[in-house]
């Protein structure tokens, strides 16, 4: 059921997030509304919720569960590792980041609660003559709402003759999928993320030859998807 008001210009407008001023003159977001119908019966008005996904590709912070959200699915992807850099081949690629999924689970009684997140940093590119670098882990942990810690580790860096290992995942209640290993070659390709994609988010980057520095792995990603 949608909630509508008549504004000062006598125009009907749909209400998405109603606020009220309480007796202490403080603005407060309304979670439940009751009306008296034409038969003098009190009835609860259910505010409509538009599905939304909050996506983060760097940094850390607190995610707040929106008012009127019913279900939440969390997707966590670790960043990729960088490839090796050599004057001539071989120069193997970096491993892909892992992938953890939790949900959908019911959050109708947890509106306004928080979860903490950190998006891992990809492995940095390296100068000629060096092995690639590993990415750090992407995580989602309990805030005011308690959940099992979700961890999607970053891919490992490539060596001259062996691809970097893919990162491993843990804590997802739906799935935990490791990233794939980087490939050997002159140069070797980076591994896919546990979500199955090359490149961003979560892919490892290729090795490089010919006197070129290798490139950083691809960023991790965290998504909170609400319905």
Foldseek 3Di string as FASTA:
>chain_A
DWDWDQDPVRDIDTDQWDWDQDPVRDIDTDQWDWDQDPVRDIDIDQHDDDKDKDKDFAAKDKDAAARNFFWKKKKWWAWWWWWAEAQWAEIWWWWFKKIAMADRDTCNVPHGAIKIWGWKDWWAWFFYPDWIAWIAWTWIAHDRDHAFIKIIGTTGTHDRAFWTAWTWIDRHPVDIFTWHTIAIDRYTAWTYIRVGDAAPPTTIGIYHHNRDIIGTTHTIMMMMITD
